[in-house]
Amino acid sequence: MTDPTTGPTTGPTTDPAAGPAAGPAAGPGLDPQEGECALCFVARAVDELGCDGTLRWAGRFVEVRVPPATALVRRLATTGADCDCGVVTTSFTLVRDQLVRDVHTDELGPPDRWPTCAGVRRTSARPCRHWERVPAPRRATTGVGG
């Protein structure tokens, strides 16, 4: 491309003060890998690039892999997760055989590195077999007539 005032350029210029580009397309590793489920993608994205307090990575998964599944982000929000890190810490958890035992406390917890996704069909919005939903707390019920 040629700028009439400065001559040829190789592309758009960037303002160093503006910082890195924002949005789902910014940076490497932000697209789901082939066969990667929504939760493994969200966990990997949060682990690599952090959580911004929104369901950004869940939305990115829908945008890239399953555009017809527009309700996925809304369903995740109804599980009590208001951000991506909440999806993989409070709404869903790794199944027992993916957890590691702390030798000092004998407690099970997440591994230092997320396991490789067990895989799903390309157009699936379901989690792979490594994940299970955390049961919602039981609500207190009162007898009829209260």
Foldseek 3Di string as FASTA:
>chain_A
DADVVPGDDDDDDDDVVVPFDDAQVTDPPSEDDAQAELLVSLVVCCVVPNKPQAQRSSVRHCVHQAVVVVCLRVVLVVLVRRISVCSDPPFKDFPPVQWDADPVPRDTDHDPDHDDAPGDHRNDNDGGNRMDTDDDDDDDDDDPVD
